[in-house]
């Protein structure tokens, strides 16, 4: 059980690499063939394929082979899961910071608002 990663873990592990983020950036504009994805990268085609395998394994990318061309596209649902997780953390921290701001305002009001000692 310890070696099994959740879909969210796989998403963040896949996105941890700058090459894979560059591939995702390219795919965010439109689907692309493997050769189109490899073109701007300074690495071999087998290395590009390994990165794509990680992206596909995480569920972020799906590919389809038609003839001799393998075309890749983003699987938006996997990105949505990560976005939902991040937004939940953001909402939680915004609430905490709002409470802290309110508390600091209360302290300031109780102190009489005297800022002359600064």
N, C-alpha and C. Protein backbone atom coordinates (compact mmCIF):
# COMPACT_ATOMS: atom_id res chain seq x y z
N UNK A 1 0.81 -1.19 0.00
CA UNK A 1 0.00 0.00 0.00
C UNK A 1 0.86 1.26 0.00
N UNK A 2 2.04 1.23 0.62
CA UNK A 2 2.89 2.41 0.70
C UNK A 2 3.43 2.83 -0.66
N UNK A 3 3.57 1.91 -1.59
CA UNK A 3 4.12 2.24 -2.90
C UNK A 3 3.07 2.75 -3.88
N UNK A 4 1.81 2.76 -3.48
CA UNK A 4 0.75 3.25 -4.36
C UNK A 4 0.56 4.74 -4.14
N UNK A 5 0.56 5.49 -5.23
CA UNK A 5 0.38 6.92 -5.14
C UNK A 5 -1.03 7.29 -5.57
N UNK A 6 -1.55 8.32 -4.95
CA UNK A 6 -2.88 8.80 -5.34
C UNK A 6 -2.75 9.55 -6.67
N UNK A 7 -3.85 9.72 -7.38
CA UNK A 7 -3.80 10.50 -8.62
C UNK A 7 -3.24 11.90 -8.41
N UNK A 8 -3.55 12.52 -7.28
CA UNK A 8 -3.04 13.85 -7.00
C UNK A 8 -1.52 13.83 -6.80
N UNK A 9 -1.02 12.80 -6.10
CA UNK A 9 0.43 12.65 -5.93
C UNK A 9 1.11 12.51 -7.28
N UNK A 10 0.55 11.67 -8.14
CA UNK A 10 1.14 11.46 -9.46
C UNK A 10 1.13 12.74 -10.28
N UNK A 11 0.07 13.53 -10.15
CA UNK A 11 -0.01 14.80 -10.87
C UNK A 11 1.11 15.73 -10.44
N UNK A 12 1.28 15.91 -9.13
CA UNK A 12 2.31 16.82 -8.66
C UNK A 12 3.72 16.29 -8.92
N UNK A 13 3.90 14.99 -8.85
CA UNK A 13 5.21 14.42 -9.20
C UNK A 13 5.53 14.67 -10.66
N UNK A 14 4.55 14.51 -11.53
CA UNK A 14 4.76 14.73 -12.96
C UNK A 14 5.07 16.20 -13.23
N UNK A 15 4.39 17.10 -12.55
CA UNK A 15 4.57 18.53 -12.78
C UNK A 15 5.82 19.09 -12.09
N UNK A 16 6.48 18.28 -11.28
CA UNK A 16 7.68 18.73 -10.58
C UNK A 16 8.86 18.95 -11.52
N UNK A 17 8.82 18.37 -12.70
CA UNK A 17 9.93 18.46 -13.63
C UNK A 17 9.71 19.60 -14.64
N UNK A 18 10.71 20.47 -14.83
CA UNK A 18 10.54 21.60 -15.76
C UNK A 18 10.30 21.18 -17.21
N UNK A 19 10.89 20.08 -17.64
CA UNK A 19 10.66 19.61 -19.01
C UNK A 19 9.21 19.21 -19.21
N UNK A 20 8.66 18.50 -18.23
CA UNK A 20 7.27 18.09 -18.35
C UNK A 20 6.33 19.29 -18.25
N UNK A 21 6.69 20.29 -17.43
CA UNK A 21 5.87 21.50 -17.38
C UNK A 21 5.91 22.22 -18.72
N UNK A 22 7.08 22.23 -19.38
CA UNK A 22 7.18 22.85 -20.71
C UNK A 22 6.30 22.10 -21.71
N UNK A 23 6.28 20.79 -21.63
CA UNK A 23 5.41 20.00 -22.51
C UNK A 23 3.95 20.32 -22.24
N UNK A 24 3.59 20.43 -20.98
CA UNK A 24 2.21 20.77 -20.63
C UNK A 24 1.86 22.18 -21.14
N UNK A 25 2.79 23.08 -21.03
CA UNK A 25 2.57 24.44 -21.53
C UNK A 25 2.28 24.41 -23.03
N UNK A 26 3.08 23.65 -23.76
CA UNK A 26 2.86 23.53 -25.21
C UNK A 26 1.51 22.89 -25.51
N UNK A 27 1.18 21.84 -24.77
CA UNK A 27 -0.09 21.14 -25.01
C UNK A 27 -1.30 21.97 -24.57
N UNK A 28 -1.09 22.95 -23.73
CA UNK A 28 -2.20 23.80 -23.31
C UNK A 28 -2.73 24.65 -24.46
N UNK A 29 -1.90 24.85 -25.47
CA UNK A 29 -2.33 25.62 -26.65
C UNK A 29 -3.11 24.76 -27.63
N UNK A 30 -2.68 23.52 -27.82
CA UNK A 30 -3.37 22.60 -28.73
C UNK A 30 -2.68 21.24 -28.65
N UNK A 31 -3.36 20.19 -29.11
CA UNK A 31 -2.68 18.88 -29.19
C UNK A 31 -1.44 18.99 -30.07
N UNK A 32 -0.48 18.10 -29.82
CA UNK A 32 0.78 18.13 -30.58
C UNK A 32 1.32 16.73 -30.75
N UNK A 33 2.03 16.53 -31.84
CA UNK A 33 2.70 15.24 -32.06
C UNK A 33 3.93 15.17 -31.16
N UNK A 34 4.43 13.97 -30.97
CA UNK A 34 5.62 13.78 -30.15
C UNK A 34 6.78 14.57 -30.74
N UNK A 35 6.92 14.56 -32.06
CA UNK A 35 8.04 15.30 -32.67
C UNK A 35 7.89 16.80 -32.45
N UNK A 36 6.66 17.31 -32.46
CA UNK A 36 6.45 18.74 -32.17
C UNK A 36 6.83 19.06 -30.73
N UNK A 37 6.50 18.17 -29.82
CA UNK A 37 6.87 18.38 -28.42
C UNK A 37 8.38 18.30 -28.22
N UNK A 38 9.03 17.42 -28.98
CA UNK A 38 10.47 17.21 -28.82
C UNK A 38 11.30 18.33 -29.44
N UNK A 39 10.78 18.97 -30.48
CA UNK A 39 11.54 19.94 -31.26
C UNK A 39 12.28 20.99 -30.41
N UNK A 40 11.61 21.68 -29.48
CA UNK A 40 12.33 22.72 -28.74
C UNK A 40 13.20 22.20 -27.58
N UNK A 41 13.13 20.92 -27.31
CA UNK A 41 13.84 20.36 -26.17
C UNK A 41 15.22 19.86 -26.58
N UNK A 42 16.19 20.13 -25.74
CA UNK A 42 17.56 19.69 -26.00
C UNK A 42 17.78 18.30 -25.40
N UNK A 43 17.07 17.31 -25.97
CA UNK A 43 17.21 15.94 -25.48
C UNK A 43 16.82 14.97 -26.58
N UNK A 44 17.18 13.73 -26.38
CA UNK A 44 16.89 12.70 -27.38
C UNK A 44 15.39 12.37 -27.40
N UNK A 45 14.95 11.78 -28.49
CA UNK A 45 13.55 11.36 -28.59
C UNK A 45 13.20 10.32 -27.52
N UNK A 46 14.08 9.34 -27.22
CA UNK A 46 13.75 8.41 -26.13
C UNK A 46 13.56 9.12 -24.78
N UNK A 47 14.33 10.17 -24.52
CA UNK A 47 14.16 10.92 -23.26
C UNK A 47 12.82 11.64 -23.26
N UNK A 48 12.44 12.21 -24.40
CA UNK A 48 11.13 12.86 -24.52
C UNK A 48 10.03 11.84 -24.27
N UNK A 49 10.18 10.65 -24.82
CA UNK A 49 9.18 9.59 -24.64
C UNK A 49 9.06 9.19 -23.17
N UNK A 50 10.18 9.19 -22.45
CA UNK A 50 10.13 8.87 -21.02
C UNK A 50 9.33 9.93 -20.26
N UNK A 51 9.56 11.20 -20.59
CA UNK A 51 8.79 12.27 -19.95
C UNK A 51 7.30 12.14 -20.28
N UNK A 52 7.00 11.84 -21.52
CA UNK A 52 5.60 11.64 -21.91
C UNK A 52 4.97 10.47 -21.17
N UNK A 53 5.75 9.42 -20.96
CA UNK A 53 5.23 8.26 -20.22
C UNK A 53 4.85 8.66 -18.80
N UNK A 54 5.64 9.52 -18.18
CA UNK A 54 5.32 9.99 -16.83
C UNK A 54 4.03 10.81 -16.86
N UNK A 55 3.92 11.71 -17.85
CA UNK A 55 2.71 12.53 -17.97
C UNK A 55 1.47 11.67 -18.23
N UNK A 56 1.63 10.65 -19.07
CA UNK A 56 0.50 9.75 -19.34
C UNK A 56 0.18 8.91 -18.11
N UNK A 57 1.21 8.44 -17.43
CA UNK A 57 1.00 7.64 -16.22
C UNK A 57 0.29 8.40 -15.12
N UNK A 58 0.48 9.71 -15.10
CA UNK A 58 -0.18 10.54 -14.09
C UNK A 58 -1.61 10.89 -14.49
N UNK A 59 -1.93 10.62 -15.76
CA UNK A 59 -3.26 10.95 -16.25
C UNK A 59 -3.37 12.36 -16.81
N UNK A 60 -2.27 13.12 -16.80
CA UNK A 60 -2.31 14.49 -17.29
C UNK A 60 -2.39 14.57 -18.81
N UNK A 61 -1.82 13.58 -19.49
CA UNK A 61 -1.76 13.58 -20.95
C UNK A 61 -2.28 12.25 -21.46
N UNK A 62 -2.99 12.31 -22.56
CA UNK A 62 -3.38 11.10 -23.29
C UNK A 62 -2.84 11.23 -24.70
N UNK A 63 -2.52 10.09 -25.29
CA UNK A 63 -2.00 10.13 -26.66
C UNK A 63 -2.75 9.12 -27.51
N UNK A 64 -2.69 9.35 -28.80
CA UNK A 64 -3.37 8.50 -29.76
C UNK A 64 -2.46 8.37 -30.98
N UNK A 65 -2.28 7.14 -31.43
CA UNK A 65 -1.44 6.91 -32.59
C UNK A 65 -2.32 6.67 -33.81
N UNK A 66 -2.12 7.52 -34.82
CA UNK A 66 -2.82 7.37 -36.09
C UNK A 66 -1.74 7.26 -37.16
N UNK A 67 -1.67 6.10 -37.75
CA UNK A 67 -0.59 5.86 -38.70
C UNK A 67 0.74 5.86 -37.97
N UNK A 68 1.64 6.71 -38.42
CA UNK A 68 2.97 6.77 -37.79
C UNK A 68 3.09 7.93 -36.81
N UNK A 69 2.02 8.68 -36.63
CA UNK A 69 2.08 9.88 -35.79
C UNK A 69 1.34 9.66 -34.47
N UNK A 70 2.05 9.91 -33.37
CA UNK A 70 1.44 9.86 -32.04
C UNK A 70 1.15 11.30 -31.63
N UNK A 71 -0.14 11.57 -31.41
CA UNK A 71 -0.56 12.92 -31.02
C UNK A 71 -0.96 12.91 -29.55
N UNK A 72 -0.51 13.92 -28.83
CA UNK A 72 -0.76 14.04 -27.39
C UNK A 72 -1.68 15.23 -27.13
N UNK A 73 -2.47 15.09 -26.07
CA UNK A 73 -3.32 16.20 -25.64
C UNK A 73 -3.47 16.13 -24.12
N UNK A 74 -3.80 17.26 -23.54
CA UNK A 74 -4.00 17.34 -22.10
C UNK A 74 -5.33 16.69 -21.73
N UNK A 75 -5.31 15.97 -20.64
CA UNK A 75 -6.53 15.42 -20.05
C UNK A 75 -6.95 16.41 -18.96
N UNK A 76 -7.92 17.21 -19.26
CA UNK A 76 -8.29 18.34 -18.39
C UNK A 76 -8.77 17.93 -17.01
N UNK A 77 -9.37 16.77 -16.89
CA UNK A 77 -9.88 16.34 -15.57
C UNK A 77 -8.75 16.19 -14.55
N UNK A 78 -7.62 15.66 -14.97
CA UNK A 78 -6.49 15.49 -14.05
C UNK A 78 -6.01 16.86 -13.56
N UNK A 79 -5.97 17.84 -14.45
CA UNK A 79 -5.59 19.19 -14.05
C UNK A 79 -6.63 19.79 -13.12
N UNK A 80 -7.88 19.48 -13.34
CA UNK A 80 -8.95 20.00 -12.50
C UNK A 80 -8.81 19.51 -11.06
N UNK A 81 -8.38 18.26 -10.89
CA UNK A 81 -8.18 17.74 -9.54
C UNK A 81 -7.11 18.52 -8.79
N UNK A 82 -6.01 18.82 -9.48
CA UNK A 82 -4.94 19.60 -8.86
C UNK A 82 -5.42 21.02 -8.56
N UNK A 83 -6.15 21.60 -9.48
CA UNK A 83 -6.67 22.95 -9.29
C UNK A 83 -7.63 23.00 -8.08
N UNK A 84 -8.49 22.00 -7.96
CA UNK A 84 -9.41 21.94 -6.83
C UNK A 84 -8.65 21.85 -5.51
N UNK A 85 -7.59 21.04 -5.47
CA UNK A 85 -6.80 20.89 -4.26
C UNK A 85 -6.13 22.21 -3.90
N UNK A 86 -5.52 22.86 -4.89
CA UNK A 86 -4.84 24.13 -4.66
C UNK A 86 -5.85 25.20 -4.20
N UNK A 87 -7.00 25.27 -4.85
CA UNK A 87 -8.01 26.26 -4.47
C UNK A 87 -8.52 26.04 -3.06
N UNK A 88 -8.64 24.79 -2.65
CA UNK A 88 -9.08 24.50 -1.28
C UNK A 88 -8.05 25.00 -0.27
N UNK A 89 -6.76 24.82 -0.56
CA UNK A 89 -5.70 25.32 0.32
C UNK A 89 -5.72 26.85 0.34
N UNK A 90 -5.91 27.45 -0.83
CA UNK A 90 -5.95 28.92 -0.92
C UNK A 90 -7.10 29.47 -0.08
N UNK A 91 -8.27 28.86 -0.21
CA UNK A 91 -9.44 29.31 0.55
C UNK A 91 -9.19 29.19 2.05
N UNK A 92 -8.59 28.07 2.45
CA UNK A 92 -8.29 27.84 3.85
C UNK A 92 -7.34 28.91 4.39
N UNK A 93 -6.28 29.22 3.65
CA UNK A 93 -5.33 30.23 4.10
C UNK A 93 -5.91 31.63 4.07
N UNK A 94 -6.75 31.92 3.10
CA UNK A 94 -7.39 33.24 3.07
C UNK A 94 -8.27 33.43 4.30
N UNK A 95 -9.00 32.38 4.69
CA UNK A 95 -9.82 32.46 5.90
C UNK A 95 -8.95 32.70 7.13
N UNK A 96 -7.85 31.97 7.23
CA UNK A 96 -6.95 32.14 8.38
C UNK A 96 -6.36 33.55 8.40
N UNK A 97 -5.96 34.05 7.26
CA UNK A 97 -5.38 35.39 7.21
C UNK A 97 -6.43 36.46 7.51
N UNK A 98 -7.66 36.23 7.07
CA UNK A 98 -8.75 37.16 7.40
C UNK A 98 -8.97 37.20 8.91
N UNK A 99 -8.97 36.02 9.55
CA UNK A 99 -9.14 35.97 11.00
C UNK A 99 -7.99 36.67 11.71
N UNK A 100 -6.76 36.46 11.21
CA UNK A 100 -5.60 37.12 11.80
C UNK A 100 -5.72 38.64 11.65
N UNK A 101 -6.14 39.09 10.47
CA UNK A 101 -6.33 40.52 10.24
C UNK A 101 -7.36 41.10 11.19
N UNK A 102 -8.45 40.37 11.38
CA UNK A 102 -9.48 40.83 12.32
C UNK A 102 -8.96 40.91 13.74
N UNK A 103 -8.19 39.90 14.13
CA UNK A 103 -7.61 39.88 15.48
C UNK A 103 -6.64 41.05 15.66
N UNK A 104 -5.81 41.30 14.67
CA UNK A 104 -4.86 42.41 14.78
C UNK A 104 -5.58 43.75 14.84
N UNK A 105 -6.67 43.89 14.11
CA UNK A 105 -7.47 45.11 14.18
C UNK A 105 -8.08 45.29 15.57
N UNK A 106 -8.55 44.17 16.16
CA UNK A 106 -9.09 44.23 17.52
C UNK A 106 -8.01 44.69 18.50
N UNK A 107 -6.81 44.14 18.38
CA UNK A 107 -5.72 44.54 19.27
C UNK A 107 -5.40 46.02 19.10
N UNK A 108 -5.38 46.46 17.87
CA UNK A 108 -5.10 47.87 17.59
C UNK A 108 -6.17 48.76 18.20
N UNK A 109 -7.45 48.35 18.05
CA UNK A 109 -8.56 49.12 18.60
C UNK A 109 -8.51 49.15 20.13
N UNK A 110 -8.16 48.05 20.76
CA UNK A 110 -8.07 47.98 22.23
C UNK A 110 -6.92 48.83 22.74
N UNK A 111 -5.87 48.94 21.93
CA UNK A 111 -4.72 49.75 22.35
C UNK A 111 -4.95 51.23 22.18
N UNK A 112 -6.11 51.61 21.71
CA UNK A 112 -6.43 53.01 21.56
C UNK A 112 -5.93 53.61 20.26
N UNK A 113 -5.33 52.80 19.42
CA UNK A 113 -4.88 53.31 18.12
C UNK A 113 -3.70 54.26 18.24
N UNK A 114 -2.98 54.27 19.36
CA UNK A 114 -1.84 55.16 19.55
C UNK A 114 -0.62 54.60 18.84
N UNK A 115 -0.27 55.23 17.73
CA UNK A 115 0.90 54.79 16.97
C UNK A 115 2.10 55.70 17.19
N UNK A 116 2.05 56.57 18.23
CA UNK A 116 3.11 57.55 18.43
C UNK A 116 4.42 56.92 18.90
N UNK A 117 4.38 55.69 19.40
CA UNK A 117 5.59 55.03 19.89
C UNK A 117 6.36 54.31 18.79
N UNK A 118 5.91 54.41 17.57
CA UNK A 118 6.60 53.70 16.47
C UNK A 118 7.81 54.44 16.02
